[in-house]
Amino acid sequence: MYEEESMQAINAIFDGNYFKPMEPIPVKGKYEVIITFTKQIDTKESRRQRILTHFGTWDDDDVKIIDEIIQERVNFSINRDEI
């Protein structure tokens, strides 16, 4: 007899090669899955490039500070369960 199970969904990050679950996987065994790509993640470099479109108004020290802020935000999010 076929037992219908409710669908389970989790968040994950796709790095271009692999999926990294951002929360525990709620099932065991083999499952058919549906993978939905919801939005592209801003990378440090893409954020930096977007900010640097205003480069003419900033000197090298300003750019260094911006790079440090971007890196702090990236580091803040790494391995955080609540994010």
PDB file of N, CA and C in Angstrom:
ATOM      1  N   MET A   1       0.835  -1.179   0.000  1.00  0.00           N
ATOM      2  CA  MET A   1       0.000   0.000   0.000  1.00  0.00           C
ATOM      3  C   MET A   1       0.882   1.246   0.000  1.00  0.00           C
ATOM      4  N   TYR A   2       0.529   2.201  -0.785  1.00  0.00           N
ATOM      5  CA  TYR A   2       1.286   3.443  -0.902  1.00  0.00           C
ATOM      6  C   TYR A   2       0.908   4.386   0.233  1.00  0.00           C
ATOM      7  N   GLU A   3       1.907   4.834   0.980  1.00  0.00           N
ATOM      8  CA  GLU A   3       1.657   5.809   2.037  1.00  0.00           C
ATOM      9  C   GLU A   3       2.110   7.175   1.557  1.00  0.00           C
ATOM     10  N   GLU A   4       1.200   8.110   1.547  1.00  0.00           N
ATOM     11  CA  GLU A   4       1.535   9.465   1.116  1.00  0.00           C
ATOM     12  C   GLU A   4       2.202  10.202   2.272  1.00  0.00           C
ATOM     13  N   GLU A   5       3.330  10.766   2.003  1.00  0.00           N
ATOM     14  CA  GLU A   5       4.043  11.542   3.012  1.00  0.00           C
ATOM     15  C   GLU A   5       3.981  13.008   2.621  1.00  0.00           C
ATOM     16  N   SER A   6       4.008  13.858   3.618  1.00  0.00           N
ATOM     17  CA  SER A   6       4.000  15.284   3.311  1.00  0.00           C
ATOM     18  C   SER A   6       5.368  15.693   2.763  1.00  0.00           C
ATOM     19  N   MET A   7       5.338  16.674   1.907  1.00  0.00           N
ATOM     20  CA  MET A   7       6.586  17.162   1.328  1.00  0.00           C
ATOM     21  C   MET A   7       7.368  17.930   2.385  1.00  0.00           C
ATOM     22  N   GLN A   8       8.670  17.837   2.326  1.00  0.00           N
ATOM     23  CA  GLN A   8       9.555  18.551   3.233  1.00  0.00           C
ATOM     24  C   GLN A   8      10.403  19.504   2.398  1.00  0.00           C
ATOM     25  N   ALA A   9      10.662  20.683   2.915  1.00  0.00           N
ATOM     26  CA  ALA A   9      11.493  21.646   2.212  1.00  0.00           C
ATOM     27  C   ALA A   9      12.565  22.173   3.162  1.00  0.00           C
ATOM     28  N   ILE A  10      13.760  22.360   2.632  1.00  0.00           N
ATOM     29  CA  ILE A  10      14.842  22.968   3.402  1.00  0.00           C
ATOM     30  C   ILE A  10      15.546  23.986   2.511  1.00  0.00           C
ATOM     31  N   ASN A  11      16.235  24.910   3.132  1.00  0.00           N
ATOM     32  CA  ASN A  11      17.042  25.874   2.390  1.00  0.00           C
ATOM     33  C   ASN A  11      18.441  25.317   2.191  1.00  0.00           C
ATOM     34  N   ALA A  12      19.022  25.632   1.050  1.00  0.00           N
ATOM     35  CA  ALA A  12      20.381  25.197   0.753  1.00  0.00           C
ATOM     36  C   ALA A  12      21.041  26.246  -0.139  1.00  0.00           C
ATOM     37  N   ILE A  13      22.342  26.183  -0.199  1.00  0.00           N
ATOM     38  CA  ILE A  13      23.124  27.048  -1.082  1.00  0.00           C
ATOM     39  C   ILE A  13      23.780  26.158  -2.129  1.00  0.00           C
ATOM     40  N   PHE A  14      23.684  26.551  -3.385  1.00  0.00           N
ATOM     41  CA  PHE A  14      24.353  25.849  -4.478  1.00  0.00           C
ATOM     42  C   PHE A  14      25.580  26.675  -4.850  1.00  0.00           C
ATOM     43  N   ASP A  15      26.765  26.080  -4.753  1.00  0.00           N
ATOM     44  CA  ASP A  15      27.993  26.828  -5.014  1.00  0.00           C
ATOM     45  C   ASP A  15      28.478  26.732  -6.455  1.00  0.00           C
ATOM     46  N   GLY A  16      27.659  26.187  -7.305  1.00  0.00           N
ATOM     47  CA  GLY A  16      28.055  25.986  -8.691  1.00  0.00           C
ATOM     48  C   GLY A  16      28.352  24.528  -8.991  1.00  0.00           C
ATOM     49  N   ASN A  17      28.634  23.761  -7.935  1.00  0.00           N
ATOM     50  CA  ASN A  17      28.906  22.335  -8.065  1.00  0.00           C
ATOM     51  C   ASN A  17      28.090  21.487  -7.085  1.00  0.00           C
ATOM     52  N   TYR A  18      27.970  21.958  -5.860  1.00  0.00           N
ATOM     53  CA  TYR A  18      27.355  21.160  -4.803  1.00  0.00           C
ATOM     54  C   TYR A  18      26.291  21.971  -4.062  1.00  0.00           C
ATOM     55  N   PHE A  19      25.377  21.247  -3.406  1.00  0.00           N
ATOM     56  CA  PHE A  19      24.369  21.866  -2.561  1.00  0.00           C
ATOM     57  C   PHE A  19      24.818  21.745  -1.115  1.00  0.00           C
ATOM     58  N   LYS A  20      24.727  22.842  -0.357  1.00  0.00           N
ATOM     59  CA  LYS A  20      25.065  22.834   1.061  1.00  0.00           C
ATOM     60  C   LYS A  20      23.786  23.147   1.835  1.00  0.00           C
ATOM     61  N   PRO A  21      23.227  22.156   2.540  1.00  0.00           N
ATOM     62  CA  PRO A  21      22.016  22.414   3.322  1.00  0.00           C
ATOM     63  C   PRO A  21      22.283  23.476   4.388  1.00  0.00           C
ATOM     64  N   MET A  22      21.350  24.393   4.552  1.00  0.00           N
ATOM     65  CA  MET A  22      21.484  25.437   5.551  1.00  0.00           C
ATOM     66  C   MET A  22      20.739  25.071   6.840  1.00  0.00           C
ATOM     67  N   GLU A  23      20.157  23.888   6.864  1.00  0.00           N
ATOM     68  CA  GLU A  23      19.447  23.394   8.035  1.00  0.00           C
ATOM     69  C   GLU A  23      19.472  21.865   7.967  1.00  0.00           C
ATOM     70  N   PRO A  24      19.146  21.194   9.058  1.00  0.00           N
ATOM     71  CA  PRO A  24      19.182  19.723   9.052  1.00  0.00           C
ATOM     72  C   PRO A  24      18.223  19.141   8.006  1.00  0.00           C
ATOM     73  N   ILE A  25      18.639  18.041   7.397  1.00  0.00           N
ATOM     74  CA  ILE A  25      17.797  17.346   6.429  1.00  0.00           C
ATOM     75  C   ILE A  25      16.797  16.500   7.229  1.00  0.00           C
ATOM     76  N   PRO A  26      15.487  16.724   7.027  1.00  0.00           N
ATOM     77  CA  PRO A  26      14.476  16.103   7.891  1.00  0.00           C
ATOM     78  C   PRO A  26      14.073  14.674   7.515  1.00  0.00           C
ATOM     79  N   VAL A  27      14.757  14.055   6.553  1.00  0.00           N
ATOM     80  CA  VAL A  27      14.386  12.705   6.120  1.00  0.00           C
ATOM     81  C   VAL A  27      15.619  11.822   6.056  1.00  0.00           C
ATOM     82  N   LYS A  28      15.392  10.538   6.025  1.00  0.00           N
ATOM     83  CA  LYS A  28      16.466   9.551   5.850  1.00  0.00           C
ATOM     84  C   LYS A  28      16.137   8.709   4.627  1.00  0.00           C
ATOM     85  N   GLY A  29      17.147   8.159   4.006  1.00  0.00           N
ATOM     86  CA  GLY A  29      16.914   7.286   2.863  1.00  0.00           C
ATOM     87  C   GLY A  29      16.943   8.041   1.546  1.00  0.00           C
ATOM     88  N   LYS A  30      16.551   7.344   0.491  1.00  0.00           N
ATOM     89  CA  LYS A  30      16.540   7.925  -0.848  1.00  0.00           C
ATOM     90  C   LYS A  30      15.209   8.600  -1.124  1.00  0.00           C
ATOM     91  N   TYR A  31      15.269   9.766  -1.724  1.00  0.00           N
ATOM     92  CA  TYR A  31      14.054  10.519  -2.050  1.00  0.00           C
ATOM     93  C   TYR A  31      14.172  11.139  -3.420  1.00  0.00           C
ATOM     94  N   GLU A  32      13.070  11.223  -4.078  1.00  0.00           N
ATOM     95  CA  GLU A  32      12.979  12.036  -5.284  1.00  0.00           C
ATOM     96  C   GLU A  32      12.836  13.472  -4.796  1.00  0.00           C
ATOM     97  N   VAL A  33      13.562  14.394  -5.410  1.00  0.00           N
ATOM     98  CA  VAL A  33      13.515  15.787  -4.960  1.00  0.00           C
ATOM     99  C   VAL A  33      13.224  16.721  -6.127  1.00  0.00           C
ATOM    100  N   ILE A  34      12.735  17.884  -5.803  1.00  0.00           N
ATOM    101  CA  ILE A  34      12.579  18.965  -6.765  1.00  0.00           C
ATOM    102  C   ILE A  34      13.520  20.070  -6.324  1.00  0.00           C
ATOM    103  N   ILE A  35      14.378  20.513  -7.213  1.00  0.00           N
ATOM    104  CA  ILE A  35      15.327  21.571  -6.891  1.00  0.00           C
ATOM    105  C   ILE A  35      14.854  22.848  -7.565  1.00  0.00           C
ATOM    106  N   THR A  36      14.684  23.894  -6.765  1.00  0.00           N
ATOM    107  CA  THR A  36      14.224  25.178  -7.277  1.00  0.00           C
ATOM    108  C   THR A  36      15.292  26.224  -6.989  1.00  0.00           C
ATOM    109  N   PHE A  37      15.765  26.867  -8.020  1.00  0.00           N
ATOM    110  CA  PHE A  37      16.743  27.935  -7.847  1.00  0.00           C
ATOM    111  C   PHE A  37      15.962  29.234  -7.692  1.00  0.00           C
ATOM    112  N   THR A  38      15.995  29.826  -6.500  1.00  0.00           N
ATOM    113  CA  THR A  38      15.137  30.973  -6.215  1.00  0.00           C
ATOM    114  C   THR A  38      15.763  32.319  -6.543  1.00  0.00           C
ATOM    115  N   LYS A  39      17.023  32.505  -6.215  1.00  0.00           N
ATOM    116  CA  LYS A  39      17.687  33.766  -6.542  1.00  0.00           C
ATOM    117  C   LYS A  39      19.195  33.566  -6.502  1.00  0.00           C
ATOM    118  N   GLN A  40      19.888  34.330  -7.323  1.00  0.00           N
ATOM    119  CA  GLN A  40      21.344  34.256  -7.344  1.00  0.00           C
ATOM    120  C   GLN A  40      21.893  35.017  -6.143  1.00  0.00           C
ATOM    121  N   ILE A  41      22.885  34.451  -5.519  1.00  0.00           N
ATOM    122  CA  ILE A  41      23.490  35.067  -4.343  1.00  0.00           C
ATOM    123  C   ILE A  41      24.518  36.091  -4.784  1.00  0.00           C
ATOM    124  N   ASP A  42      24.430  37.254  -4.183  1.00  0.00           N
ATOM    125  CA  ASP A  42      25.426  38.292  -4.423  1.00  0.00           C
ATOM    126  C   ASP A  42      26.769  37.805  -3.890  1.00  0.00           C
ATOM    127  N   THR A  43      27.779  37.871  -4.705  1.00  0.00           N
ATOM    128  CA  THR A  43      29.113  37.519  -4.241  1.00  0.00           C
ATOM    129  C   THR A  43      29.830  38.768  -3.759  1.00  0.00           C
ATOM    130  N   LYS A  44      30.881  38.568  -3.022  1.00  0.00           N
ATOM    131  CA  LYS A  44      31.674  39.701  -2.541  1.00  0.00           C
ATOM    132  C   LYS A  44      32.118  40.553  -3.723  1.00  0.00           C
ATOM    133  N   GLU A  45      32.553  39.908  -4.781  1.00  0.00           N
ATOM    134  CA  GLU A  45      33.062  40.655  -5.931  1.00  0.00           C
ATOM    135  C   GLU A  45      31.953  41.421  -6.651  1.00  0.00           C
ATOM    136  N   SER A  46      30.770  40.822  -6.782  1.00  0.00           N
ATOM    137  CA  SER A  46      29.693  41.544  -7.462  1.00  0.00           C
ATOM    138  C   SER A  46      29.237  42.744  -6.648  1.00  0.00           C
ATOM    139  N   ARG A  47      29.190  42.611  -5.319  1.00  0.00           N
ATOM    140  CA  ARG A  47      28.846  43.763  -4.467  1.00  0.00           C
ATOM    141  C   ARG A  47      29.906  44.841  -4.586  1.00  0.00           C
ATOM    142  N   ARG A  48      31.162  44.414  -4.581  1.00  0.00           N
ATOM    143  CA  ARG A  48      32.269  45.375  -4.682  1.00  0.00           C
ATOM    144  C   ARG A  48      32.199  46.126  -6.004  1.00  0.00           C
ATOM    145  N   GLN A  49      31.953  45.407  -7.082  1.00  0.00           N
ATOM    146  CA  GLN A  49      31.874  46.051  -8.392  1.00  0.00           C
ATOM    147  C   GLN A  49      30.714  47.038  -8.467  1.00  0.00           C
ATOM    148  N   ARG A  50      29.594  46.660  -7.872  1.00  0.00           N
ATOM    149  CA  ARG A  50      28.438  47.560  -7.865  1.00  0.00           C
ATOM    150  C   ARG A  50      28.749  48.832  -7.081  1.00  0.00           C
ATOM    151  N   ILE A  51      29.412  48.688  -5.951  1.00  0.00           N
ATOM    152  CA  ILE A  51      29.787  49.844  -5.135  1.00  0.00           C
ATOM    153  C   ILE A  51      30.812  50.703  -5.862  1.00  0.00           C
ATOM    154  N   LEU A  52      31.749  50.050  -6.542  1.00  0.00           N
ATOM    155  CA  LEU A  52      32.843  50.799  -7.179  1.00  0.00           C
ATOM    156  C   LEU A  52      32.414  51.541  -8.444  1.00  0.00           C
ATOM    157  N   THR A  53      31.152  51.399  -8.841  1.00  0.00           N
ATOM    158  CA  THR A  53      30.685  52.222  -9.958  1.00  0.00           C
ATOM    159  C   THR A  53      30.743  53.700  -9.570  1.00  0.00           C
ATOM    160  N   HIS A  54      30.809  53.964  -8.269  1.00  0.00           N
ATOM    161  CA  HIS A  54      30.930  55.332  -7.752  1.00  0.00           C
ATOM    162  C   HIS A  54      32.386  55.656  -7.419  1.00  0.00           C
ATOM    163  N   PHE A  55      33.305  54.903  -7.964  1.00  0.00           N
ATOM    164  CA  PHE A  55      34.721  54.965  -7.599  1.00  0.00           C
ATOM    165  C   PHE A  55      35.329  56.355  -7.690  1.00  0.00           C
ATOM    166  N   GLY A  56      34.932  57.145  -8.655  1.00  0.00           N
ATOM    167  CA  GLY A  56      35.549  58.455  -8.835  1.00  0.00           C
ATOM    168  C   GLY A  56      35.443  59.358  -7.625  1.00  0.00           C
ATOM    169  N   THR A  57      34.510  59.082  -6.733  1.00  0.00           N
ATOM    170  CA  THR A  57      34.338  59.926  -5.555  1.00  0.00           C
ATOM    171  C   THR A  57      35.090  59.412  -4.344  1.00  0.00           C
ATOM    172  N   TRP A  58      35.729  58.225  -4.446  1.00  0.00           N
ATOM    173  CA  TRP A  58      36.403  57.635  -3.295  1.00  0.00           C
ATOM    174  C   TRP A  58      37.887  57.444  -3.579  1.00  0.00           C
ATOM    175  N   ASP A  59      38.697  57.589  -2.537  1.00  0.00           N
ATOM    176  CA  ASP A  59      40.124  57.311  -2.693  1.00  0.00           C
ATOM    177  C   ASP A  59      40.405  55.857  -2.296  1.00  0.00           C
ATOM    178  N   ASP A  60      41.672  55.432  -2.375  1.00  0.00           N
ATOM    179  CA  ASP A  60      42.036  54.039  -2.087  1.00  0.00           C
ATOM    180  C   ASP A  60      41.694  53.618  -0.663  1.00  0.00           C
ATOM    181  N   ASP A  61      41.830  54.544   0.304  1.00  0.00           N
ATOM    182  CA  ASP A  61      41.484  54.208   1.690  1.00  0.00           C
ATOM    183  C   ASP A  61      39.993  53.913   1.822  1.00  0.00           C
ATOM    184  N   ASP A  62      39.162  54.688   1.125  1.00  0.00           N
ATOM    185  CA  ASP A  62      37.721  54.443   1.153  1.00  0.00           C
ATOM    186  C   ASP A  62      37.399  53.066   0.587  1.00  0.00           C
ATOM    187  N   VAL A  63      38.031  52.706  -0.523  1.00  0.00           N
ATOM    188  CA  VAL A  63      37.798  51.404  -1.152  1.00  0.00           C
ATOM    189  C   VAL A  63      38.228  50.280  -0.212  1.00  0.00           C
ATOM    190  N   LYS A  64      39.349  50.468   0.488  1.00  0.00           N
ATOM    191  CA  LYS A  64      39.822  49.454   1.437  1.00  0.00           C
ATOM    192  C   LYS A  64      38.803  49.265   2.563  1.00  0.00           C
ATOM    193  N   ILE A  65      38.255  50.354   3.073  1.00  0.00           N
ATOM    194  CA  ILE A  65      37.252  50.272   4.138  1.00  0.00           C
ATOM    195  C   ILE A  65      36.011  49.534   3.646  1.00  0.00           C
ATOM    196  N   ILE A  66      35.582  49.838   2.428  1.00  0.00           N
ATOM    197  CA  ILE A  66      34.416  49.158   1.855  1.00  0.00           C
ATOM    198  C   ILE A  66      34.684  47.663   1.721  1.00  0.00           C
ATOM    199  N   ASP A  67      35.856  47.292   1.233  1.00  0.00           N
ATOM    200  CA  ASP A  67      36.213  45.867   1.125  1.00  0.00           C
ATOM    201  C   ASP A  67      36.179  45.191   2.496  1.00  0.00           C
ATOM    202  N   GLU A  68      36.659  45.868   3.534  1.00  0.00           N
ATOM    203  CA  GLU A  68      36.655  45.301   4.881  1.00  0.00           C
ATOM    204  C   GLU A  68      35.226  45.098   5.393  1.00  0.00           C
ATOM    205  N   ILE A  69      34.357  46.050   5.127  1.00  0.00           N
ATOM    206  CA  ILE A  69      32.954  45.933   5.554  1.00  0.00           C
ATOM    207  C   ILE A  69      32.288  44.757   4.848  1.00  0.00           C
ATOM    208  N   ILE A  70      32.509  44.627   3.556  1.00  0.00           N
ATOM    209  CA  ILE A  70      31.924  43.510   2.803  1.00  0.00           C
ATOM    210  C   ILE A  70      32.418  42.183   3.371  1.00  0.00           C
ATOM    211  N   GLN A  71      33.712  42.081   3.658  1.00  0.00           N
ATOM    212  CA  GLN A  71      34.263  40.836   4.196  1.00  0.00           C
ATOM    213  C   GLN A  71      33.694  40.533   5.577  1.00  0.00           C
ATOM    214  N   GLU A  72      33.523  41.558   6.416  1.00  0.00           N
ATOM    215  CA  GLU A  72      32.928  41.345   7.738  1.00  0.00           C
ATOM    216  C   GLU A  72      31.510  40.793   7.605  1.00  0.00           C
ATOM    217  N   ARG A  73      30.749  41.311   6.662  1.00  0.00           N
ATOM    218  CA  ARG A  73      29.375  40.828   6.471  1.00  0.00           C
ATOM    219  C   ARG A  73      29.367  39.398   5.966  1.00  0.00           C
ATOM    220  N   VAL A  74      30.290  39.052   5.069  1.00  0.00           N
ATOM    221  CA  VAL A  74      30.388  37.674   4.582  1.00  0.00           C
ATOM    222  C   VAL A  74      30.737  36.756   5.734  1.00  0.00           C
ATOM    223  N   ASN A  75      31.742  37.126   6.529  1.00  0.00           N
ATOM    224  CA  ASN A  75      32.168  36.297   7.657  1.00  0.00           C
ATOM    225  C   ASN A  75      31.074  36.159   8.706  1.00  0.00           C
ATOM    226  N   PHE A  76      30.263  37.191   8.892  1.00  0.00           N
ATOM    227  CA  PHE A  76      29.187  37.155   9.876  1.00  0.00           C
ATOM    228  C   PHE A  76      28.168  36.073   9.541  1.00  0.00           C
ATOM    229  N   SER A  77      27.918  35.854   8.264  1.00  0.00           N
ATOM    230  CA  SER A  77      26.877  34.918   7.838  1.00  0.00           C
ATOM    231  C   SER A  77      27.346  33.471   7.766  1.00  0.00           C
ATOM    232  N   ILE A  78      28.626  33.235   7.703  1.00  0.00           N
ATOM    233  CA  ILE A  78      29.147  31.876   7.518  1.00  0.00           C
ATOM    234  C   ILE A  78      28.812  31.010   8.732  1.00  0.00           C
ATOM    235  N   ASN A  79      28.222  29.857   8.473  1.00  0.00           N
ATOM    236  CA  ASN A  79      27.906  28.833   9.477  1.00  0.00           C
ATOM    237  C   ASN A  79      26.969  29.318  10.579  1.00  0.00           C
ATOM    238  N   ARG A  80      26.130  30.293  10.291  1.00  0.00           N
ATOM    239  CA  ARG A  80      25.150  30.751  11.276  1.00  0.00           C
ATOM    240  C   ARG A  80      23.830  30.068  10.989  1.00  0.00           C
ATOM    241  N   ASP A  81      23.299  29.387  11.974  1.00  0.00           N
ATOM    242  CA  ASP A  81      22.050  28.639  11.786  1.00  0.00           C
ATOM    243  C   ASP A  81      20.850  29.551  11.573  1.00  0.00           C
ATOM    244  N   GLU A  82      20.848  30.706  12.211  1.00  0.00           N
ATOM    245  CA  GLU A  82      19.674  31.550  12.143  1.00  0.00           C
ATOM    246  C   GLU A  82      19.614  32.410  10.890  1.00  0.00           C
ATOM    247  N   ILE A  83      20.616  32.337  10.037  1.00  0.00           N
ATOM    248  CA  ILE A  83      20.637  33.141   8.810  1.00  0.00           C
ATOM    249  C   ILE A  83      20.356  32.263   7.621  1.00  0.00           C
TER     250      ILE A  83
END
